C-alpha cells in the first residue's frame, strides 16, 4: 500500500466518476449495474476519505448534459442516488459525514428532492468529511447563477459594482465557504474536465488513472494522493527550492 504523508493531505479532493457504463459492458452487465457498482465505490471512497482525514470530497454524479441519455438510464441514476442517500442516513451517526448537493435540484422528482433535503438537514451538524454530490450540475450554469445573484445585489444597492472581486464570486458559488479542490481525479483515462467546477479548478492538480470508477479503490486513492504530494504547487509563482 502506498505510504502517504499524513501532514500533507489535500484538504479537498474532486472526482469525476467516469467509466461506469464501460465497466458494465466489459463485464457483460446492464448499464444500471455499472451505476450501482459506481455508487458502491463512492460509498467506500467517501468513508475512507473521512477515515484518513480528508475534509472535503466533491464528486460529479450527474451533469446537466446527462439528461440527453436514455430515459431508462436517467431513471436508474435518480433511483440509485435516492437509494444511496436513504442508505447513508441509516448510519449517519456512525460516519459523521456531512452531505451537500451542488446543482439545481428543482428539476428532480419530489421524492428525490425530499431525500436530498433530508440528507442535508440530518447531517448538517456532522464534523467529519463534507461530501459534495454534484447532481444536475453544470459549471457554466453555476457561474451564470452566481452572476445573476451578484447583479441582483448590485441592482438592490446591497453591494457596489467595485465590490465585485474573486472572493465575492467564490462566495456566490455552490462551494461557498469551502477551499478550492487541491486534487482532481478523473477515472477511465478521460483527459478533460467536462464542465466540472471551472472556477474552482484553476490551480488544482489533475490525476487521470486508467481504471474505470467501479474499480477505483482505497489503494488507488492513496496512489493519487502520493502523486499529488510529489507535485510542486506554484500557484503561478516561482518554483520552490
C-alpha atoms as a PDB file:
ATOM      1  CA  UNK A   1       0.000   0.000   0.000  1.00  0.00           C
ATOM      2  CA  UNK A   2       1.214   3.496  -0.832  1.00  0.00           C
ATOM      3  CA  UNK A   3       2.824   5.435   2.006  1.00  0.00           C
ATOM      4  CA  UNK A   4       1.498   8.979   2.198  1.00  0.00           C
ATOM      5  CA  UNK A   5       2.450  12.000   4.269  1.00  0.00           C
ATOM      6  CA  UNK A   6      -0.456  12.478   6.681  1.00  0.00           C
ATOM      7  CA  UNK A   7       0.753  16.055   7.256  1.00  0.00           C
ATOM      8  CA  UNK A   8       0.397  16.956   3.570  1.00  0.00           C
ATOM      9  CA  UNK A   9      -3.029  15.656   2.681  1.00  0.00           C
ATOM     10  CA  UNK A  10      -5.146  17.507   0.140  1.00  0.00           C
ATOM     11  CA  UNK A  11      -7.893  19.309   2.026  1.00  0.00           C
ATOM     12  CA  UNK A  12     -10.304  18.970  -0.889  1.00  0.00           C
ATOM     13  CA  UNK A  13     -10.452  16.196  -3.488  1.00  0.00           C
ATOM     14  CA  UNK A  14     -12.734  16.365  -6.524  1.00  0.00           C
ATOM     15  CA  UNK A  15     -13.603  13.259  -8.541  1.00  0.00           C
ATOM     16  CA  UNK A  16     -15.205  12.809 -11.952  1.00  0.00           C
ATOM     17  CA  UNK A  17     -16.523   9.282 -11.556  1.00  0.00           C
ATOM     18  CA  UNK A  18     -16.166   8.089 -15.146  1.00  0.00           C
ATOM     19  CA  UNK A  19     -16.433   4.627 -16.670  1.00  0.00           C
ATOM     20  CA  UNK A  20     -19.478   3.022 -15.038  1.00  0.00           C
ATOM     21  CA  UNK A  21     -21.028   2.098 -18.385  1.00  0.00           C
ATOM     22  CA  UNK A  22     -17.759   0.854 -19.884  1.00  0.00           C
ATOM     23  CA  UNK A  23     -17.071  -1.232 -16.791  1.00  0.00           C
ATOM     24  CA  UNK A  24     -20.549  -2.798 -17.022  1.00  0.00           C
ATOM     25  CA  UNK A  25     -20.139  -3.513 -20.725  1.00  0.00           C
ATOM     26  CA  UNK A  26     -16.772  -5.186 -20.127  1.00  0.00           C
ATOM     27  CA  UNK A  27     -18.455  -7.461 -17.574  1.00  0.00           C
ATOM     28  CA  UNK A  28     -21.484  -8.219 -19.735  1.00  0.00           C
ATOM     29  CA  UNK A  29     -23.722  -6.352 -17.303  1.00  0.00           C
ATOM     30  CA  UNK A  30     -26.508  -3.799 -17.744  1.00  0.00           C
ATOM     31  CA  UNK A  31     -25.750  -0.080 -17.546  1.00  0.00           C
ATOM     32  CA  UNK A  32     -27.749   0.142 -14.321  1.00  0.00           C
ATOM     33  CA  UNK A  33     -25.417  -2.433 -12.758  1.00  0.00           C
ATOM     34  CA  UNK A  34     -22.461  -0.236 -13.645  1.00  0.00           C
ATOM     35  CA  UNK A  35     -24.005   2.769 -11.933  1.00  0.00           C
ATOM     36  CA  UNK A  36     -24.868   0.670  -8.884  1.00  0.00           C
ATOM     37  CA  UNK A  37     -21.252  -0.519  -8.686  1.00  0.00           C
ATOM     38  CA  UNK A  38     -20.184   3.113  -9.049  1.00  0.00           C
ATOM     39  CA  UNK A  39     -22.391   4.080  -6.090  1.00  0.00           C
ATOM     40  CA  UNK A  40     -20.770   1.312  -4.030  1.00  0.00           C
ATOM     41  CA  UNK A  41     -17.337   2.651  -4.973  1.00  0.00           C
ATOM     42  CA  UNK A  42     -18.406   6.145  -3.884  1.00  0.00           C
ATOM     43  CA  UNK A  43     -19.564   4.810  -0.533  1.00  0.00           C
ATOM     44  CA  UNK A  44     -16.213   3.099   0.045  1.00  0.00           C
ATOM     45  CA  UNK A  45     -14.111   6.067  -1.086  1.00  0.00           C
ATOM     46  CA  UNK A  46     -16.105   8.641   0.895  1.00  0.00           C
ATOM     47  CA  UNK A  47     -15.819   6.563   4.075  1.00  0.00           C
ATOM     48  CA  UNK A  48     -12.081   6.122   3.511  1.00  0.00           C
ATOM     49  CA  UNK A  49     -11.545   9.839   2.846  1.00  0.00           C
ATOM     50  CA  UNK A  50     -13.295  10.537   6.144  1.00  0.00           C
ATOM     51  CA  UNK A  51     -11.151   7.937   7.877  1.00  0.00           C
ATOM     52  CA  UNK A  52      -7.804   9.354   6.735  1.00  0.00           C
ATOM     53  CA  UNK A  53      -8.711  12.991   7.356  1.00  0.00           C
ATOM     54  CA  UNK A  54      -9.765  14.496   4.020  1.00  0.00           C
ATOM     55  CA  UNK A  55     -12.026  17.457   4.800  1.00  0.00           C
ATOM     56  CA  UNK A  56     -13.924  17.843   1.504  1.00  0.00           C
ATOM     57  CA  UNK A  57     -14.804  15.435  -1.298  1.00  0.00           C
ATOM     58  CA  UNK A  58     -16.733  16.657  -4.347  1.00  0.00           C
ATOM     59  CA  UNK A  59     -17.997  14.067  -6.819  1.00  0.00           C
ATOM     60  CA  UNK A  60     -19.583  14.582 -10.235  1.00  0.00           C
ATOM     61  CA  UNK A  61     -22.639  12.311 -10.185  1.00  0.00           C
ATOM     62  CA  UNK A  62     -24.992  13.772 -12.814  1.00  0.00           C
ATOM     63  CA  UNK A  63     -24.329  16.687 -15.157  1.00  0.00           C
ATOM     64  CA  UNK A  64     -26.853  18.992 -16.797  1.00  0.00           C
ATOM     65  CA  UNK A  65     -25.869  17.283 -20.078  1.00  0.00           C
ATOM     66  CA  UNK A  66     -26.729  13.815 -18.749  1.00  0.00           C
ATOM     67  CA  UNK A  67     -30.437  14.438 -19.368  1.00  0.00           C
ATOM     68  CA  UNK A  68     -29.629  13.569 -23.010  1.00  0.00           C
ATOM     69  CA  UNK A  69     -29.108   9.927 -22.044  1.00  0.00           C
ATOM     70  CA  UNK A  70     -31.889   7.354 -22.362  1.00  0.00           C
ATOM     71  CA  UNK A  71     -34.888   7.669 -20.047  1.00  0.00           C
ATOM     72  CA  UNK A  72     -34.055   4.263 -18.629  1.00  0.00           C
ATOM     73  CA  UNK A  73     -30.514   5.298 -17.674  1.00  0.00           C
ATOM     74  CA  UNK A  74     -31.592   8.662 -16.248  1.00  0.00           C
ATOM     75  CA  UNK A  75     -34.270   6.939 -14.151  1.00  0.00           C
ATOM     76  CA  UNK A  76     -31.682   4.455 -12.898  1.00  0.00           C
ATOM     77  CA  UNK A  77     -29.310   7.255 -11.866  1.00  0.00           C
ATOM     78  CA  UNK A  78     -32.093   9.027  -9.984  1.00  0.00           C
ATOM     79  CA  UNK A  79     -33.147   5.842  -8.209  1.00  0.00           C
ATOM     80  CA  UNK A  80     -29.567   4.985  -7.249  1.00  0.00           C
ATOM     81  CA  UNK A  81     -28.956   8.453  -5.765  1.00  0.00           C
ATOM     82  CA  UNK A  82     -32.107   8.178  -3.661  1.00  0.00           C
ATOM     83  CA  UNK A  83     -31.162   4.685  -2.532  1.00  0.00           C
ATOM     84  CA  UNK A  84     -27.629   5.877  -1.687  1.00  0.00           C
ATOM     85  CA  UNK A  85     -28.887   8.815   0.392  1.00  0.00           C
ATOM     86  CA  UNK A  86     -31.506   6.755   2.230  1.00  0.00           C
ATOM     87  CA  UNK A  87     -28.945   4.041   2.986  1.00  0.00           C
ATOM     88  CA  UNK A  88     -26.386   6.601   4.104  1.00  0.00           C
ATOM     89  CA  UNK A  89     -28.790   8.155   6.610  1.00  0.00           C
ATOM     90  CA  UNK A  90     -29.234   4.825   8.372  1.00  0.00           C
ATOM     91  CA  UNK A  91     -25.649   5.026   9.590  1.00  0.00           C
ATOM     92  CA  UNK A  92     -25.136   8.805   9.544  1.00  0.00           C
ATOM     93  CA  UNK A  93     -24.215   8.995  13.223  1.00  0.00           C
ATOM     94  CA  UNK A  94     -21.525   6.370  12.772  1.00  0.00           C
ATOM     95  CA  UNK A  95     -19.946   8.054   9.759  1.00  0.00           C
ATOM     96  CA  UNK A  96     -20.061  11.731  10.876  1.00  0.00           C
ATOM     97  CA  UNK A  97     -20.109  12.799   7.188  1.00  0.00           C
ATOM     98  CA  UNK A  98     -21.909  15.962   6.092  1.00  0.00           C
ATOM     99  CA  UNK A  99     -23.856  15.786   2.813  1.00  0.00           C
ATOM    100  CA  UNK A 100     -24.218  18.756   0.459  1.00  0.00           C
ATOM    101  CA  UNK A 101     -25.706  18.890  -3.040  1.00  0.00           C
ATOM    102  CA  UNK A 102     -24.246  21.073  -5.780  1.00  0.00           C
ATOM    103  CA  UNK A 103     -26.657  21.782  -8.614  1.00  0.00           C
ATOM    104  CA  UNK A 104     -30.261  22.635  -9.410  1.00  0.00           C
ATOM    105  CA  UNK A 105     -32.433  20.076  -7.634  1.00  0.00           C
ATOM    106  CA  UNK A 106     -35.692  21.823  -8.593  1.00  0.00           C
ATOM    107  CA  UNK A 107     -35.844  19.743 -11.793  1.00  0.00           C
ATOM    108  CA  UNK A 108     -35.740  16.458  -9.878  1.00  0.00           C
ATOM    109  CA  UNK A 109     -38.737  14.449  -8.680  1.00  0.00           C
ATOM    110  CA  UNK A 110     -40.398  15.499  -5.436  1.00  0.00           C
ATOM    111  CA  UNK A 111     -39.412  12.210  -3.839  1.00  0.00           C
ATOM    112  CA  UNK A 112     -35.747  12.645  -4.708  1.00  0.00           C
ATOM    113  CA  UNK A 113     -35.807  16.274  -3.590  1.00  0.00           C
ATOM    114  CA  UNK A 114     -37.217  15.116  -0.243  1.00  0.00           C
ATOM    115  CA  UNK A 115     -34.420  12.542   0.173  1.00  0.00           C
ATOM    116  CA  UNK A 116     -31.804  15.168  -0.689  1.00  0.00           C
ATOM    117  CA  UNK A 117     -33.208  17.744   1.715  1.00  0.00           C
ATOM    118  CA  UNK A 118     -33.485  15.138   4.472  1.00  0.00           C
ATOM    119  CA  UNK A 119     -29.852  14.083   3.983  1.00  0.00           C
ATOM    120  CA  UNK A 120     -28.665  17.684   4.072  1.00  0.00           C
ATOM    121  CA  UNK A 121     -30.714  18.549   7.165  1.00  0.00           C
ATOM    122  CA  UNK A 122     -29.873  15.435   9.169  1.00  0.00           C
ATOM    123  CA  UNK A 123     -26.115  15.672   8.529  1.00  0.00           C
ATOM    124  CA  UNK A 124     -25.653  19.459   8.735  1.00  0.00           C
ATOM    125  CA  UNK A 125     -24.033  19.315  12.178  1.00  0.00           C
ATOM    126  CA  UNK A 126     -21.611  16.492  11.364  1.00  0.00           C
ATOM    127  CA  UNK A 127     -17.967  17.481  11.700  1.00  0.00           C
ATOM    128  CA  UNK A 128     -16.154  14.914   9.549  1.00  0.00           C
ATOM    129  CA  UNK A 129     -15.852  14.838   5.783  1.00  0.00           C
ATOM    130  CA  UNK A 130     -18.088  17.171   3.767  1.00  0.00           C
ATOM    131  CA  UNK A 131     -19.316  15.144   0.788  1.00  0.00           C
ATOM    132  CA  UNK A 132     -20.471  17.399  -2.057  1.00  0.00           C
ATOM    133  CA  UNK A 133     -22.547  15.482  -4.592  1.00  0.00           C
ATOM    134  CA  UNK A 134     -22.751  17.428  -7.872  1.00  0.00           C
ATOM    135  CA  UNK A 135     -26.114  16.365  -9.276  1.00  0.00           C
ATOM    136  CA  UNK A 136     -27.843  18.159 -12.145  1.00  0.00           C
ATOM    137  CA  UNK A 137     -24.737  20.299 -12.049  1.00  0.00           C
ATOM    138  CA  UNK A 138     -23.056  22.313 -14.798  1.00  0.00           C
ATOM    139  CA  UNK A 139     -20.072  24.557 -14.197  1.00  0.00           C
ATOM    140  CA  UNK A 140     -21.140  27.300 -16.589  1.00  0.00           C
ATOM    141  CA  UNK A 141     -24.677  27.208 -15.189  1.00  0.00           C
ATOM    142  CA  UNK A 142     -23.185  27.657 -11.717  1.00  0.00           C
ATOM    143  CA  UNK A 143     -21.313  30.757 -12.884  1.00  0.00           C
ATOM    144  CA  UNK A 144     -24.412  32.193 -14.577  1.00  0.00           C
ATOM    145  CA  UNK A 145     -26.355  31.614 -11.350  1.00  0.00           C
ATOM    146  CA  UNK A 146     -23.653  33.414  -9.344  1.00  0.00           C
ATOM    147  CA  UNK A 147     -23.542  36.360 -11.763  1.00  0.00           C
ATOM    148  CA  UNK A 148     -27.333  36.780 -11.595  1.00  0.00           C
ATOM    149  CA  UNK A 149     -27.249  36.787  -7.789  1.00  0.00           C
ATOM    150  CA  UNK A 150     -24.465  39.381  -7.766  1.00  0.00           C
ATOM    151  CA  UNK A 151     -26.223  41.544 -10.365  1.00  0.00           C
ATOM    152  CA  UNK A 152     -29.401  41.443  -8.263  1.00  0.00           C
ATOM    153  CA  UNK A 153     -27.456  42.594  -5.203  1.00  0.00           C
ATOM    154  CA  UNK A 154     -25.919  45.467  -7.173  1.00  0.00           C
ATOM    155  CA  UNK A 155     -29.355  46.443  -8.509  1.00  0.00           C
ATOM    156  CA  UNK A 156     -30.777  46.432  -4.980  1.00  0.00           C
ATOM    157  CA  UNK A 157     -27.815  48.561  -3.798  1.00  0.00           C
ATOM    158  CA  UNK A 158     -26.701  45.835  -1.385  1.00  0.00           C
ATOM    159  CA  UNK A 159     -23.209  45.947  -2.908  1.00  0.00           C
ATOM    160  CA  UNK A 160     -21.334  48.346  -5.153  1.00  0.00           C
ATOM    161  CA  UNK A 161     -20.007  47.212  -8.509  1.00  0.00           C
ATOM    162  CA  UNK A 162     -16.480  47.905  -7.249  1.00  0.00           C
ATOM    163  CA  UNK A 163     -17.045  45.309  -4.519  1.00  0.00           C
ATOM    164  CA  UNK A 164     -17.040  42.535  -7.126  1.00  0.00           C
ATOM    165  CA  UNK A 165     -13.820  40.543  -6.828  1.00  0.00           C
ATOM    166  CA  UNK A 166     -12.729  36.911  -6.845  1.00  0.00           C
ATOM    167  CA  UNK A 167     -13.708  36.324  -3.227  1.00  0.00           C
ATOM    168  CA  UNK A 168     -17.202  37.728  -3.805  1.00  0.00           C
ATOM    169  CA  UNK A 169     -17.727  35.468  -6.807  1.00  0.00           C
ATOM    170  CA  UNK A 170     -16.449  32.426  -4.879  1.00  0.00           C
ATOM    171  CA  UNK A 171     -18.895  33.228  -2.091  1.00  0.00           C
ATOM    172  CA  UNK A 172     -21.811  33.074  -4.538  1.00  0.00           C
ATOM    173  CA  UNK A 173     -20.948  29.584  -5.827  1.00  0.00           C
ATOM    174  CA  UNK A 174     -22.335  26.278  -4.553  1.00  0.00           C
ATOM    175  CA  UNK A 175     -18.994  25.674  -2.815  1.00  0.00           C
ATOM    176  CA  UNK A 176     -19.071  28.955  -0.858  1.00  0.00           C
ATOM    177  CA  UNK A 177     -17.030  28.716   2.328  1.00  0.00           C
ATOM    178  CA  UNK A 178     -15.006  25.733   1.123  1.00  0.00           C
ATOM    179  CA  UNK A 179     -11.413  25.685  -0.151  1.00  0.00           C
ATOM    180  CA  UNK A 180     -10.923  25.022  -3.858  1.00  0.00           C
ATOM    181  CA  UNK A 181     -10.008  21.409  -4.716  1.00  0.00           C
ATOM    182  CA  UNK A 182      -6.324  20.564  -4.347  1.00  0.00           C
ATOM    183  CA  UNK A 183      -6.624  17.388  -6.403  1.00  0.00           C
ATOM    184  CA  UNK A 184      -8.926  16.365  -9.249  1.00  0.00           C
ATOM    185  CA  UNK A 185      -9.200  12.666 -10.111  1.00  0.00           C
ATOM    186  CA  UNK A 186     -10.927  11.598 -13.308  1.00  0.00           C
ATOM    187  CA  UNK A 187     -11.119   7.856 -13.796  1.00  0.00           C
ATOM    188  CA  UNK A 188     -11.262   5.864 -17.044  1.00  0.00           C
ATOM    189  CA  UNK A 189      -8.312   7.808 -18.534  1.00  0.00           C
ATOM    190  CA  UNK A 190     -10.513  10.626 -19.846  1.00  0.00           C
ATOM    191  CA  UNK A 191      -8.474  13.823 -20.121  1.00  0.00           C
ATOM    192  CA  UNK A 192     -10.970  16.660 -19.775  1.00  0.00           C
ATOM    193  CA  UNK A 193     -12.980  18.402 -17.056  1.00  0.00           C
ATOM    194  CA  UNK A 194     -16.416  18.291 -18.772  1.00  0.00           C
ATOM    195  CA  UNK A 195     -17.918  21.479 -17.323  1.00  0.00           C
ATOM    196  CA  UNK A 196     -16.999  20.495 -13.754  1.00  0.00           C
ATOM    197  CA  UNK A 197     -16.025  23.246 -11.288  1.00  0.00           C
ATOM    198  CA  UNK A 198     -14.456  25.597 -13.910  1.00  0.00           C
ATOM    199  CA  UNK A 199     -13.931  28.423 -11.396  1.00  0.00           C
ATOM    200  CA  UNK A 200     -12.679  26.215  -8.570  1.00  0.00           C
ATOM    201  CA  UNK A 201     -10.175  24.096 -10.546  1.00  0.00           C
ATOM    202  CA  UNK A 202      -7.854  26.882 -11.742  1.00  0.00           C
ATOM    203  CA  UNK A 203      -4.905  25.730  -9.569  1.00  0.00           C
ATOM    204  CA  UNK A 204      -5.948  22.139  -8.941  1.00  0.00           C
ATOM    205  CA  UNK A 205      -3.566  19.250  -9.620  1.00  0.00           C
ATOM    206  CA  UNK A 206      -5.037  16.735 -12.103  1.00  0.00           C
ATOM    207  CA  UNK A 207      -4.660  12.957 -11.979  1.00  0.00           C
ATOM    208  CA  UNK A 208      -6.065  10.615 -14.654  1.00  0.00           C
ATOM    209  CA  UNK A 209      -5.957   6.893 -13.754  1.00  0.00           C
ATOM    210  CA  UNK A 210      -6.921   4.355 -16.416  1.00  0.00           C
ATOM    211  CA  UNK A 211      -9.220   2.359 -14.140  1.00  0.00           C
ATOM    212  CA  UNK A 212     -12.975   2.693 -14.521  1.00  0.00           C
ATOM    213  CA  UNK A 213     -14.703   4.189 -11.488  1.00  0.00           C
ATOM    214  CA  UNK A 214     -16.229   0.946 -10.104  1.00  0.00           C
ATOM    215  CA  UNK A 215     -12.671  -0.493  -9.959  1.00  0.00           C
ATOM    216  CA  UNK A 216     -11.233   2.517  -8.108  1.00  0.00           C
ATOM    217  CA  UNK A 217     -10.487   1.634  -4.501  1.00  0.00           C
ATOM    218  CA  UNK A 218      -8.510   2.659  -1.436  1.00  0.00           C
ATOM    219  CA  UNK A 219      -5.112   1.738  -2.917  1.00  0.00           C
ATOM    220  CA  UNK A 220      -5.893   3.813  -5.996  1.00  0.00           C
ATOM    221  CA  UNK A 221      -6.866   6.806  -3.870  1.00  0.00           C
ATOM    222  CA  UNK A 222      -3.650   6.533  -1.870  1.00  0.00           C
ATOM    223  CA  UNK A 223      -1.651   6.348  -5.108  1.00  0.00           C
ATOM    224  CA  UNK A 224      -3.379   9.516  -6.351  1.00  0.00           C
ATOM    225  CA  UNK A 225      -2.585  11.300  -3.079  1.00  0.00           C
ATOM    226  CA  UNK A 226       1.028  10.111  -3.293  1.00  0.00           C
ATOM    227  CA  UNK A 227       1.319  11.562  -6.807  1.00  0.00           C
ATOM    228  CA  UNK A 228      -0.235  14.810  -5.565  1.00  0.00           C
ATOM    229  CA  UNK A 229       2.277  15.005  -2.736  1.00  0.00           C
ATOM    230  CA  UNK A 230       5.103  14.699  -5.253  1.00  0.00           C
ATOM    231  CA  UNK A 231       3.910  17.725  -7.237  1.00  0.00           C
ATOM    232  CA  UNK A 232       5.397  21.217  -6.807  1.00  0.00           C
ATOM    233  CA  UNK A 233       2.399  23.513  -6.469  1.00  0.00           C
ATOM    234  CA  UNK A 234       3.478  27.007  -7.520  1.00  0.00           C
ATOM    235  CA  UNK A 235       0.132  28.827  -7.946  1.00  0.00           C
ATOM    236  CA  UNK A 236       1.684  30.943 -10.700  1.00  0.00           C
ATOM    237  CA  UNK A 237       4.781  31.815  -8.685  1.00  0.00           C
ATOM    238  CA  UNK A 238       8.432  30.809  -8.905  1.00  0.00           C
ATOM    239  CA  UNK A 239       9.401  27.172  -8.377  1.00  0.00           C
ATOM    240  CA  UNK A 240      10.172  26.370  -4.755  1.00  0.00           C
ATOM    241  CA  UNK A 241      13.742  25.445  -3.929  1.00  0.00           C
END
